[in-house]
């Protein structure tokens, strides 16, 4: 019953989402070619809705992967500082005034580099924590997040007004886009991440139990872990460079799916992606519905929901 209620509510929100915003759509002219309502729908609302869905699914998948690889329900790219590293990389690119590098946005390249650097650093540090509690790795991620935030504040101080305003977008998250260019980039990396996880779903399920079990099955655990983390870093880096950090989706959605579906990890990949997409779309609909002169950043909404949820998880783990 709860399962149908959750999906029904999210589908209802997705249905009304195109009509939420400061500019109201005229139902009578929506299907008239060239009308203002149709242009708003096709050029602003529809790309944003699709971006919210794909971004939410990508963040949810990344959270599921991190929780599986590190065998800790609190691990996500956001809590481990991976998103913070991507934001810092994007901020450095903006401060340096870089445009395109080999035809690719410098912001995306530096964002990916920041995310990948954080993942590599966490992998190296985790080797010294194998006999310690996994919570220590979480604390390292939080420490890295504070360091990245401090470094970003230095960039703020050294930047011009225009650069500061641009960087500020990354610190709070935004899904405001015009057209389908950003959506195409995010969709490609989301499809790549989803495909790789689906192809490696059985190996990942065994790896979730222990490295020893995976090795006995003939799985190269080191290669598999590095491959999955690299692809996830690429996805997070590109996504953050376009939308800014959107936290807690990777924390909330995997836990919701595990409560709704008592299934093995290999069967949760597509439900996690779909629910993550609908959840972020619902959050974005709220930001547009309550917006007046200025729009509430999407990162603020997800943090308001995810913060209490994070506290709940910590308390429930202790119990």
C-alpha atoms as a PDB file:
ATOM      1  CA  UNK A   1       0.000   0.000   0.000  1.00  0.00           C
ATOM      2  CA  UNK A   2       2.792   2.420   0.916  1.00  0.00           C
ATOM      3  CA  UNK A   3       4.548   1.521  -2.336  1.00  0.00           C
ATOM      4  CA  UNK A   4       1.559   2.564  -4.467  1.00  0.00           C
ATOM      5  CA  UNK A   5       1.059   5.730  -2.430  1.00  0.00           C
ATOM      6  CA  UNK A   6       4.666   6.859  -2.922  1.00  0.00           C
ATOM      7  CA  UNK A   7       4.686   6.170  -6.646  1.00  0.00           C
ATOM      8  CA  UNK A   8       1.229   7.651  -7.129  1.00  0.00           C
ATOM      9  CA  UNK A   9       2.166  10.865  -5.322  1.00  0.00           C
ATOM     10  CA  UNK A  10       5.368  11.288  -7.315  1.00  0.00           C
ATOM     11  CA  UNK A  11       3.596  10.613 -10.618  1.00  0.00           C
ATOM     12  CA  UNK A  12       0.939  13.185  -9.720  1.00  0.00           C
ATOM     13  CA  UNK A  13       3.612  15.785  -8.977  1.00  0.00           C
ATOM     14  CA  UNK A  14       5.334  14.956 -12.272  1.00  0.00           C
ATOM     15  CA  UNK A  15       2.044  15.525 -14.090  1.00  0.00           C
ATOM     16  CA  UNK A  16       1.492  19.002 -12.608  1.00  0.00           C
ATOM     17  CA  UNK A  17       5.191  19.954 -12.733  1.00  0.00           C
ATOM     18  CA  UNK A  18       5.101  21.593 -16.216  1.00  0.00           C
ATOM     19  CA  UNK A  19       2.490  24.066 -14.997  1.00  0.00           C
ATOM     20  CA  UNK A  20       4.366  25.217 -11.864  1.00  0.00           C
ATOM     21  CA  UNK A  21       6.316  28.455 -12.175  1.00  0.00           C
ATOM     22  CA  UNK A  22       6.132  32.223 -12.186  1.00  0.00           C
ATOM     23  CA  UNK A  23       4.882  32.291 -15.784  1.00  0.00           C
ATOM     24  CA  UNK A  24       1.525  30.549 -16.106  1.00  0.00           C
ATOM     25  CA  UNK A  25       0.714  28.487 -19.178  1.00  0.00           C
ATOM     26  CA  UNK A  26      -2.454  29.041 -21.167  1.00  0.00           C
ATOM     27  CA  UNK A  27      -4.054  25.649 -21.766  1.00  0.00           C
ATOM     28  CA  UNK A  28      -5.931  26.964 -24.800  1.00  0.00           C
ATOM     29  CA  UNK A  29      -2.780  28.039 -26.665  1.00  0.00           C
ATOM     30  CA  UNK A  30      -0.396  25.372 -25.393  1.00  0.00           C
ATOM     31  CA  UNK A  31      -0.704  23.311 -28.586  1.00  0.00           C
ATOM     32  CA  UNK A  32      -0.715  26.269 -30.959  1.00  0.00           C
ATOM     33  CA  UNK A  33       2.503  26.394 -32.983  1.00  0.00           C
ATOM     34  CA  UNK A  34       4.687  29.367 -32.035  1.00  0.00           C
ATOM     35  CA  UNK A  35       2.512  30.500 -29.131  1.00  0.00           C
ATOM     36  CA  UNK A  36       4.141  31.909 -25.973  1.00  0.00           C
ATOM     37  CA  UNK A  37       2.816  29.077 -23.808  1.00  0.00           C
ATOM     38  CA  UNK A  38       4.194  26.466 -26.186  1.00  0.00           C
ATOM     39  CA  UNK A  39       7.615  28.139 -26.302  1.00  0.00           C
ATOM     40  CA  UNK A  40       7.760  28.319 -22.504  1.00  0.00           C
ATOM     41  CA  UNK A  41       6.802  24.674 -22.274  1.00  0.00           C
ATOM     42  CA  UNK A  42       9.190  23.357 -24.947  1.00  0.00           C
ATOM     43  CA  UNK A  43      12.199  25.618 -24.307  1.00  0.00           C
ATOM     44  CA  UNK A  44      12.054  26.062 -20.509  1.00  0.00           C
ATOM     45  CA  UNK A  45       9.744  23.672 -18.677  1.00  0.00           C
ATOM     46  CA  UNK A  46      10.276  20.416 -20.591  1.00  0.00           C
ATOM     47  CA  UNK A  47      14.123  20.558 -20.624  1.00  0.00           C
ATOM     48  CA  UNK A  48      14.121  21.409 -16.937  1.00  0.00           C
ATOM     49  CA  UNK A  49      11.763  18.552 -16.087  1.00  0.00           C
ATOM     50  CA  UNK A  50      13.860  16.054 -18.017  1.00  0.00           C
ATOM     51  CA  UNK A  51      17.084  17.416 -16.489  1.00  0.00           C
ATOM     52  CA  UNK A  52      15.642  17.077 -12.984  1.00  0.00           C
ATOM     53  CA  UNK A  53      14.641  13.477 -13.678  1.00  0.00           C
ATOM     54  CA  UNK A  54      17.978  12.432 -15.189  1.00  0.00           C
ATOM     55  CA  UNK A  55      20.021  14.300 -12.552  1.00  0.00           C
ATOM     56  CA  UNK A  56      18.009  12.801  -9.708  1.00  0.00           C
ATOM     57  CA  UNK A  57      18.410   9.301 -11.113  1.00  0.00           C
ATOM     58  CA  UNK A  58      22.167   9.790 -11.545  1.00  0.00           C
ATOM     59  CA  UNK A  59      22.641  11.063  -7.982  1.00  0.00           C
ATOM     60  CA  UNK A  60      20.557   8.207  -6.588  1.00  0.00           C
ATOM     61  CA  UNK A  61      22.582   5.617  -8.524  1.00  0.00           C
ATOM     62  CA  UNK A  62      25.839   7.181  -7.350  1.00  0.00           C
ATOM     63  CA  UNK A  63      24.622   6.955  -3.763  1.00  0.00           C
ATOM     64  CA  UNK A  64      23.649   3.307  -4.175  1.00  0.00           C
ATOM     65  CA  UNK A  65      27.052   2.515  -5.662  1.00  0.00           C
ATOM     66  CA  UNK A  66      29.019   4.255  -2.915  1.00  0.00           C
ATOM     67  CA  UNK A  67      26.968   2.570  -0.182  1.00  0.00           C
ATOM     68  CA  UNK A  68      27.563  -0.802  -1.833  1.00  0.00           C
ATOM     69  CA  UNK A  69      31.291  -0.427  -2.461  1.00  0.00           C
ATOM     70  CA  UNK A  70      32.084   1.024   0.962  1.00  0.00           C
ATOM     71  CA  UNK A  71      29.447  -1.160   2.714  1.00  0.00           C
ATOM     72  CA  UNK A  72      28.095   1.768   4.689  1.00  0.00           C
ATOM     73  CA  UNK A  73      24.565   3.161   4.419  1.00  0.00           C
ATOM     74  CA  UNK A  74      25.739   6.734   5.058  1.00  0.00           C
ATOM     75  CA  UNK A  75      28.196   6.884   2.149  1.00  0.00           C
ATOM     76  CA  UNK A  76      27.249   9.150  -0.766  1.00  0.00           C
ATOM     77  CA  UNK A  77      29.211  11.419  -3.122  1.00  0.00           C
ATOM     78  CA  UNK A  78      27.871  14.364  -1.116  1.00  0.00           C
ATOM     79  CA  UNK A  79      28.790  13.136   2.381  1.00  0.00           C
ATOM     80  CA  UNK A  80      32.198  11.857   1.212  1.00  0.00           C
ATOM     81  CA  UNK A  81      33.164  15.212  -0.284  1.00  0.00           C
ATOM     82  CA  UNK A  82      33.129  14.085  -3.942  1.00  0.00           C
ATOM     83  CA  UNK A  83      30.572  16.740  -4.844  1.00  0.00           C
ATOM     84  CA  UNK A  84      32.605  19.308  -2.903  1.00  0.00           C
ATOM     85  CA  UNK A  85      35.698  18.408  -4.912  1.00  0.00           C
ATOM     86  CA  UNK A  86      33.757  18.847  -8.157  1.00  0.00           C
ATOM     87  CA  UNK A  87      32.487  22.255  -7.032  1.00  0.00           C
ATOM     88  CA  UNK A  88      35.990  23.389  -6.107  1.00  0.00           C
ATOM     89  CA  UNK A  89      37.301  22.245  -9.484  1.00  0.00           C
ATOM     90  CA  UNK A  90      34.526  24.146 -11.258  1.00  0.00           C
ATOM     91  CA  UNK A  91      35.251  27.223  -9.133  1.00  0.00           C
ATOM     92  CA  UNK A  92      38.951  27.142 -10.066  1.00  0.00           C
ATOM     93  CA  UNK A  93      38.028  26.911 -13.744  1.00  0.00           C
ATOM     94  CA  UNK A  94      35.726  29.918 -13.477  1.00  0.00           C
ATOM     95  CA  UNK A  95      38.322  31.939 -11.617  1.00  0.00           C
ATOM     96  CA  UNK A  96      40.946  31.149 -14.260  1.00  0.00           C
ATOM     97  CA  UNK A  97      38.506  32.252 -16.955  1.00  0.00           C
ATOM     98  CA  UNK A  98      38.882  29.053 -18.963  1.00  0.00           C
ATOM     99  CA  UNK A  99      36.446  28.342 -21.762  1.00  0.00           C
ATOM    100  CA  UNK A 100      36.898  25.201 -23.835  1.00  0.00           C
ATOM    101  CA  UNK A 101      39.698  22.636 -23.622  1.00  0.00           C
ATOM    102  CA  UNK A 102      39.849  20.351 -26.664  1.00  0.00           C
ATOM    103  CA  UNK A 103      36.267  21.275 -27.420  1.00  0.00           C
ATOM    104  CA  UNK A 104      35.051  20.355 -23.925  1.00  0.00           C
ATOM    105  CA  UNK A 105      33.909  22.822 -21.290  1.00  0.00           C
ATOM    106  CA  UNK A 106      36.751  23.555 -18.869  1.00  0.00           C
ATOM    107  CA  UNK A 107      34.227  23.691 -16.025  1.00  0.00           C
ATOM    108  CA  UNK A 108      33.224  20.081 -16.756  1.00  0.00           C
ATOM    109  CA  UNK A 109      36.855  18.946 -17.024  1.00  0.00           C
ATOM    110  CA  UNK A 110      37.883  20.625 -13.770  1.00  0.00           C
ATOM    111  CA  UNK A 111      34.709  19.393 -12.070  1.00  0.00           C
ATOM    112  CA  UNK A 112      35.483  15.824 -13.079  1.00  0.00           C
ATOM    113  CA  UNK A 113      39.110  16.257 -11.981  1.00  0.00           C
ATOM    114  CA  UNK A 114      38.002  17.489  -8.551  1.00  0.00           C
ATOM    115  CA  UNK A 115      35.591  14.574  -8.113  1.00  0.00           C
ATOM    116  CA  UNK A 116      38.147  12.018  -9.320  1.00  0.00           C
ATOM    117  CA  UNK A 117      40.874  13.446  -7.073  1.00  0.00           C
ATOM    118  CA  UNK A 118      38.587  13.071  -4.056  1.00  0.00           C
ATOM    119  CA  UNK A 119      37.693   9.476  -4.956  1.00  0.00           C
ATOM    120  CA  UNK A 120      41.362   8.521  -5.424  1.00  0.00           C
ATOM    121  CA  UNK A 121      42.254  10.180  -2.128  1.00  0.00           C
ATOM    122  CA  UNK A 122      39.456   8.321  -0.321  1.00  0.00           C
ATOM    123  CA  UNK A 123      40.579   4.999  -1.843  1.00  0.00           C
ATOM    124  CA  UNK A 124      44.150   5.580  -0.659  1.00  0.00           C
ATOM    125  CA  UNK A 125      43.050   6.593   2.818  1.00  0.00           C
ATOM    126  CA  UNK A 126      40.579   3.711   3.097  1.00  0.00           C
ATOM    127  CA  UNK A 127      43.475   1.247   2.924  1.00  0.00           C
ATOM    128  CA  UNK A 128      44.579   2.479   6.333  1.00  0.00           C
ATOM    129  CA  UNK A 129      41.065   2.063   7.744  1.00  0.00           C
ATOM    130  CA  UNK A 130      40.367  -1.557   6.869  1.00  0.00           C
ATOM    131  CA  UNK A 131      40.561  -2.624  10.480  1.00  0.00           C
ATOM    132  CA  UNK A 132      38.924   0.511  11.772  1.00  0.00           C
ATOM    133  CA  UNK A 133      35.274   1.470  11.711  1.00  0.00           C
ATOM    134  CA  UNK A 134      33.959   2.575   8.329  1.00  0.00           C
ATOM    135  CA  UNK A 135      32.591   5.702  10.032  1.00  0.00           C
ATOM    136  CA  UNK A 136      36.180   6.949  10.043  1.00  0.00           C
ATOM    137  CA  UNK A 137      36.060   7.161   6.249  1.00  0.00           C
ATOM    138  CA  UNK A 138      32.854   9.162   6.529  1.00  0.00           C
ATOM    139  CA  UNK A 139      34.583  11.573   8.899  1.00  0.00           C
ATOM    140  CA  UNK A 140      37.420  11.920   6.384  1.00  0.00           C
ATOM    141  CA  UNK A 141      34.886  12.812   3.723  1.00  0.00           C
ATOM    142  CA  UNK A 142      33.337  15.436   5.974  1.00  0.00           C
ATOM    143  CA  UNK A 143      36.793  16.859   6.707  1.00  0.00           C
ATOM    144  CA  UNK A 144      37.488  17.057   2.960  1.00  0.00           C
ATOM    145  CA  UNK A 145      34.173  18.851   2.467  1.00  0.00           C
ATOM    146  CA  UNK A 146      35.180  21.483   5.027  1.00  0.00           C
ATOM    147  CA  UNK A 147      38.569  21.881   3.338  1.00  0.00           C
ATOM    148  CA  UNK A 148      36.968  22.311  -0.093  1.00  0.00           C
ATOM    149  CA  UNK A 149      34.508  24.838   1.299  1.00  0.00           C
ATOM    150  CA  UNK A 150      37.332  26.853   2.845  1.00  0.00           C
ATOM    151  CA  UNK A 151      39.308  26.776  -0.408  1.00  0.00           C
ATOM    152  CA  UNK A 152      36.197  27.918  -2.279  1.00  0.00           C
ATOM    153  CA  UNK A 153      35.811  30.832   0.141  1.00  0.00           C
ATOM    154  CA  UNK A 154      39.361  31.913  -0.733  1.00  0.00           C
ATOM    155  CA  UNK A 155      38.388  31.865  -4.417  1.00  0.00           C
ATOM    156  CA  UNK A 156      35.310  33.942  -3.565  1.00  0.00           C
ATOM    157  CA  UNK A 157      37.512  36.496  -1.852  1.00  0.00           C
ATOM    158  CA  UNK A 158      39.859  36.734  -4.834  1.00  0.00           C
ATOM    159  CA  UNK A 159      37.141  36.807  -7.502  1.00  0.00           C
ATOM    160  CA  UNK A 160      35.348  39.674  -9.190  1.00  0.00           C
ATOM    161  CA  UNK A 161      31.642  40.299  -8.709  1.00  0.00           C
ATOM    162  CA  UNK A 162      30.759  38.441 -11.912  1.00  0.00           C
ATOM    163  CA  UNK A 163      32.949  35.467 -11.045  1.00  0.00           C
ATOM    164  CA  UNK A 164      31.531  35.352  -7.519  1.00  0.00           C
ATOM    165  CA  UNK A 165      27.957  35.356  -8.828  1.00  0.00           C
ATOM    166  CA  UNK A 166      28.792  32.532 -11.235  1.00  0.00           C
ATOM    167  CA  UNK A 167      30.497  30.427  -8.570  1.00  0.00           C
ATOM    168  CA  UNK A 168      27.616  31.037  -6.158  1.00  0.00           C
ATOM    169  CA  UNK A 169      25.381  29.102  -8.532  1.00  0.00           C
ATOM    170  CA  UNK A 170      27.420  25.962  -7.907  1.00  0.00           C
ATOM    171  CA  UNK A 171      27.252  26.239  -4.136  1.00  0.00           C
ATOM    172  CA  UNK A 172      23.445  26.047  -3.959  1.00  0.00           C
ATOM    173  CA  UNK A 173      22.464  24.047  -7.024  1.00  0.00           C
ATOM    174  CA  UNK A 174      20.182  25.043  -9.866  1.00  0.00           C
ATOM    175  CA  UNK A 175      18.208  23.286 -12.573  1.00  0.00           C
ATOM    176  CA  UNK A 176      17.470  26.447 -14.566  1.00  0.00           C
ATOM    177  CA  UNK A 177      18.395  25.744 -18.188  1.00  0.00           C
ATOM    178  CA  UNK A 178      17.277  26.920 -21.610  1.00  0.00           C
ATOM    179  CA  UNK A 179      17.212  24.355 -24.390  1.00  0.00           C
ATOM    180  CA  UNK A 180      18.536  20.822 -24.454  1.00  0.00           C
ATOM    181  CA  UNK A 181      22.332  21.161 -24.590  1.00  0.00           C
ATOM    182  CA  UNK A 182      22.937  20.629 -20.865  1.00  0.00           C
ATOM    183  CA  UNK A 183      20.325  17.881 -20.815  1.00  0.00           C
ATOM    184  CA  UNK A 184      22.156  16.013 -23.577  1.00  0.00           C
ATOM    185  CA  UNK A 185      25.444  15.997 -21.659  1.00  0.00           C
ATOM    186  CA  UNK A 186      23.834  14.799 -18.427  1.00  0.00           C
ATOM    187  CA  UNK A 187      21.780  12.168 -20.270  1.00  0.00           C
ATOM    188  CA  UNK A 188      24.894  10.682 -21.892  1.00  0.00           C
ATOM    189  CA  UNK A 189      26.786  10.265 -18.618  1.00  0.00           C
ATOM    190  CA  UNK A 190      23.626   9.001 -16.874  1.00  0.00           C
ATOM    191  CA  UNK A 191      23.100   6.385 -19.596  1.00  0.00           C
ATOM    192  CA  UNK A 192      26.743   5.330 -19.324  1.00  0.00           C
ATOM    193  CA  UNK A 193      26.529   4.970 -15.533  1.00  0.00           C
ATOM    194  CA  UNK A 194      23.233   3.084 -15.704  1.00  0.00           C
ATOM    195  CA  UNK A 195      24.525   0.740 -18.405  1.00  0.00           C
ATOM    196  CA  UNK A 196      27.759  -0.090 -16.576  1.00  0.00           C
ATOM    197  CA  UNK A 197      25.961  -0.750 -13.289  1.00  0.00           C
ATOM    198  CA  UNK A 198      23.444  -2.968 -15.048  1.00  0.00           C
ATOM    199  CA  UNK A 199      26.166  -4.979 -16.806  1.00  0.00           C
ATOM    200  CA  UNK A 200      28.141  -5.335 -13.566  1.00  0.00           C
ATOM    201  CA  UNK A 201      25.107  -5.815 -11.308  1.00  0.00           C
ATOM    202  CA  UNK A 202      25.840  -9.436 -10.334  1.00  0.00           C
ATOM    203  CA  UNK A 203      29.532  -8.787  -9.696  1.00  0.00           C
ATOM    204  CA  UNK A 204      28.597  -5.734  -7.645  1.00  0.00           C
ATOM    205  CA  UNK A 205      26.115  -7.780  -5.636  1.00  0.00           C
ATOM    206  CA  UNK A 206      28.833 -10.272  -4.675  1.00  0.00           C
ATOM    207  CA  UNK A 207      31.296  -7.452  -3.964  1.00  0.00           C
ATOM    208  CA  UNK A 208      28.743  -5.944  -1.576  1.00  0.00           C
ATOM    209  CA  UNK A 209      29.124  -9.014   0.648  1.00  0.00           C
ATOM    210  CA  UNK A 210      32.910  -8.962   0.917  1.00  0.00           C
ATOM    211  CA  UNK A 211      36.073  -8.704  -1.151  1.00  0.00           C
ATOM    212  CA  UNK A 212      36.928 -12.297  -0.234  1.00  0.00           C
ATOM    213  CA  UNK A 213      33.659 -13.652  -1.639  1.00  0.00           C
ATOM    214  CA  UNK A 214      34.138 -11.685  -4.845  1.00  0.00           C
ATOM    215  CA  UNK A 215      37.738 -12.918  -5.226  1.00  0.00           C
ATOM    216  CA  UNK A 216      36.612 -16.532  -4.779  1.00  0.00           C
ATOM    217  CA  UNK A 217      34.181 -16.001  -7.655  1.00  0.00           C
ATOM    218  CA  UNK A 218      37.059 -14.865  -9.866  1.00  0.00           C
ATOM    219  CA  UNK A 219      36.210 -11.151  -9.757  1.00  0.00           C
ATOM    220  CA  UNK A 220      39.055  -8.661  -9.959  1.00  0.00           C
ATOM    221  CA  UNK A 221      37.806  -6.516  -7.088  1.00  0.00           C
ATOM    222  CA  UNK A 222      40.405  -3.765  -7.479  1.00  0.00           C
ATOM    223  CA  UNK A 223      39.744  -3.281 -11.179  1.00  0.00           C
ATOM    224  CA  UNK A 224      35.970  -3.383 -10.703  1.00  0.00           C
ATOM    225  CA  UNK A 225      36.054  -0.868  -7.848  1.00  0.00           C
ATOM    226  CA  UNK A 226      38.318   1.559  -9.684  1.00  0.00           C
ATOM    227  CA  UNK A 227      36.251   1.302 -12.878  1.00  0.00           C
ATOM    228  CA  UNK A 228      32.952   1.976 -11.130  1.00  0.00           C
ATOM    229  CA  UNK A 229      34.338   4.833  -9.035  1.00  0.00           C
ATOM    230  CA  UNK A 230      35.939   6.459 -12.096  1.00  0.00           C
ATOM    231  CA  UNK A 231      32.702   6.365 -14.076  1.00  0.00           C
ATOM    232  CA  UNK A 232      30.784   7.684 -11.086  1.00  0.00           C
ATOM    233  CA  UNK A 233      33.308  10.494 -10.636  1.00  0.00           C
ATOM    234  CA  UNK A 234      32.855  11.434 -14.284  1.00  0.00           C
ATOM    235  CA  UNK A 235      29.087  11.466 -13.871  1.00  0.00           C
ATOM    236  CA  UNK A 236      29.188  13.536 -10.689  1.00  0.00           C
ATOM    237  CA  UNK A 237      31.807  15.911 -12.109  1.00  0.00           C
ATOM    238  CA  UNK A 238      29.822  16.640 -15.262  1.00  0.00           C
ATOM    239  CA  UNK A 239      26.544  16.889 -13.373  1.00  0.00           C
ATOM    240  CA  UNK A 240      27.896  19.254 -10.709  1.00  0.00           C
ATOM    241  CA  UNK A 241      29.557  21.438 -13.348  1.00  0.00           C
ATOM    242  CA  UNK A 242      26.108  21.978 -14.888  1.00  0.00           C
ATOM    243  CA  UNK A 243      23.731  21.999 -11.931  1.00  0.00           C
ATOM    244  CA  UNK A 244      25.901  22.636  -8.878  1.00  0.00           C
ATOM    245  CA  UNK A 245      25.897  20.335  -5.836  1.00  0.00           C
ATOM    246  CA  UNK A 246      22.516  18.783  -5.056  1.00  0.00           C
ATOM    247  CA  UNK A 247      22.899  16.857  -1.848  1.00  0.00           C
ATOM    248  CA  UNK A 248      21.202  13.974  -0.064  1.00  0.00           C
ATOM    249  CA  UNK A 249      19.445  12.432  -3.095  1.00  0.00           C
ATOM    250  CA  UNK A 250      21.971   9.604  -3.047  1.00  0.00           C
ATOM    251  CA  UNK A 251      21.324   9.135   0.672  1.00  0.00           C
ATOM    252  CA  UNK A 252      17.523   9.222   0.746  1.00  0.00           C
ATOM    253  CA  UNK A 253      16.513   7.281  -2.376  1.00  0.00           C
ATOM    254  CA  UNK A 254      18.494   4.015  -1.892  1.00  0.00           C
ATOM    255  CA  UNK A 255      17.081   3.713   1.628  1.00  0.00           C
ATOM    256  CA  UNK A 256      13.541   4.385   0.417  1.00  0.00           C
ATOM    257  CA  UNK A 257      13.850   1.751  -2.303  1.00  0.00           C
ATOM    258  CA  UNK A 258      15.272  -0.818   0.128  1.00  0.00           C
ATOM    259  CA  UNK A 259      12.267  -0.212   2.386  1.00  0.00           C
ATOM    260  CA  UNK A 260       9.777  -0.471  -0.483  1.00  0.00           C
ATOM    261  CA  UNK A 261      11.400  -3.456  -2.212  1.00  0.00           C
ATOM    262  CA  UNK A 262      12.975  -6.251  -0.204  1.00  0.00           C
ATOM    263  CA  UNK A 263      15.115  -7.438  -3.102  1.00  0.00           C
ATOM    264  CA  UNK A 264      18.747  -8.054  -3.916  1.00  0.00           C
ATOM    265  CA  UNK A 265      20.996  -5.191  -4.924  1.00  0.00           C
ATOM    266  CA  UNK A 266      21.034  -6.242  -8.599  1.00  0.00           C
ATOM    267  CA  UNK A 267      17.270  -5.716  -8.816  1.00  0.00           C
ATOM    268  CA  UNK A 268      17.302  -2.240  -7.258  1.00  0.00           C
ATOM    269  CA  UNK A 269      19.261  -0.380  -9.940  1.00  0.00           C
ATOM    270  CA  UNK A 270      16.366   0.715 -12.166  1.00  0.00           C
ATOM    271  CA  UNK A 271      13.932   1.427  -9.282  1.00  0.00           C
ATOM    272  CA  UNK A 272      16.599   3.600  -7.617  1.00  0.00           C
ATOM    273  CA  UNK A 273      17.174   5.548 -10.829  1.00  0.00           C
ATOM    274  CA  UNK A 274      13.466   6.104 -11.510  1.00  0.00           C
ATOM    275  CA  UNK A 275      12.544   7.040  -7.937  1.00  0.00           C
ATOM    276  CA  UNK A 276      15.563   9.354  -7.721  1.00  0.00           C
ATOM    277  CA  UNK A 277      14.411  11.094 -10.883  1.00  0.00           C
ATOM    278  CA  UNK A 278      10.845  11.556  -9.673  1.00  0.00           C
ATOM    279  CA  UNK A 279      12.004  12.679  -6.230  1.00  0.00           C
ATOM    280  CA  UNK A 280      14.260  15.453  -7.538  1.00  0.00           C
ATOM    281  CA  UNK A 281      11.528  16.473  -9.975  1.00  0.00           C
ATOM    282  CA  UNK A 282       9.133  16.778  -7.023  1.00  0.00           C
ATOM    283  CA  UNK A 283      11.653  18.938  -5.151  1.00  0.00           C
ATOM    284  CA  UNK A 284      12.148  21.137  -8.212  1.00  0.00           C
ATOM    285  CA  UNK A 285       8.382  21.502  -8.605  1.00  0.00           C
ATOM    286  CA  UNK A 286       8.213  22.799  -5.032  1.00  0.00           C
ATOM    287  CA  UNK A 287      10.920  25.385  -5.733  1.00  0.00           C
ATOM    288  CA  UNK A 288       9.020  26.681  -8.763  1.00  0.00           C
ATOM    289  CA  UNK A 289       5.635  26.563  -7.053  1.00  0.00           C
ATOM    290  CA  UNK A 290       6.705  28.689  -4.062  1.00  0.00           C
ATOM    291  CA  UNK A 291       9.003  31.042  -5.994  1.00  0.00           C
ATOM    292  CA  UNK A 292       8.101  34.737  -6.206  1.00  0.00           C
ATOM    293  CA  UNK A 293      10.706  37.338  -7.190  1.00  0.00           C
ATOM    294  CA  UNK A 294      13.571  34.839  -6.956  1.00  0.00           C
ATOM    295  CA  UNK A 295      13.706  31.067  -7.114  1.00  0.00           C
ATOM    296  CA  UNK A 296      14.595  28.901  -4.141  1.00  0.00           C
ATOM    297  CA  UNK A 297      17.792  26.947  -4.992  1.00  0.00           C
ATOM    298  CA  UNK A 298      17.102  23.238  -5.431  1.00  0.00           C
ATOM    299  CA  UNK A 299      20.026  22.390  -3.147  1.00  0.00           C
ATOM    300  CA  UNK A 300      18.284  24.180  -0.287  1.00  0.00           C
ATOM    301  CA  UNK A 301      15.155  22.036  -0.648  1.00  0.00           C
ATOM    302  CA  UNK A 302      17.049  18.740  -0.778  1.00  0.00           C
ATOM    303  CA  UNK A 303      19.159  19.770   2.230  1.00  0.00           C
ATOM    304  CA  UNK A 304      16.029  20.631   4.244  1.00  0.00           C
ATOM    305  CA  UNK A 305      14.708  17.138   3.562  1.00  0.00           C
ATOM    306  CA  UNK A 306      18.018  15.285   3.689  1.00  0.00           C
ATOM    307  CA  UNK A 307      19.397  16.837   6.877  1.00  0.00           C
ATOM    308  CA  UNK A 308      16.736  15.375   9.202  1.00  0.00           C
ATOM    309  CA  UNK A 309      16.848  12.107   7.250  1.00  0.00           C
ATOM    310  CA  UNK A 310      20.612  11.905   7.806  1.00  0.00           C
ATOM    311  CA  UNK A 311      20.097  12.400  11.552  1.00  0.00           C
ATOM    312  CA  UNK A 312      17.439   9.684  11.537  1.00  0.00           C
ATOM    313  CA  UNK A 313      19.807   7.234   9.853  1.00  0.00           C
ATOM    314  CA  UNK A 314      22.566   7.904  12.388  1.00  0.00           C
ATOM    315  CA  UNK A 315      20.187   7.386  15.319  1.00  0.00           C
ATOM    316  CA  UNK A 316      18.680   4.225  13.800  1.00  0.00           C
ATOM    317  CA  UNK A 317      22.137   2.755  13.158  1.00  0.00           C
ATOM    318  CA  UNK A 318      23.075   3.288  16.802  1.00  0.00           C
ATOM    319  CA  UNK A 319      19.903   1.477  17.875  1.00  0.00           C
END
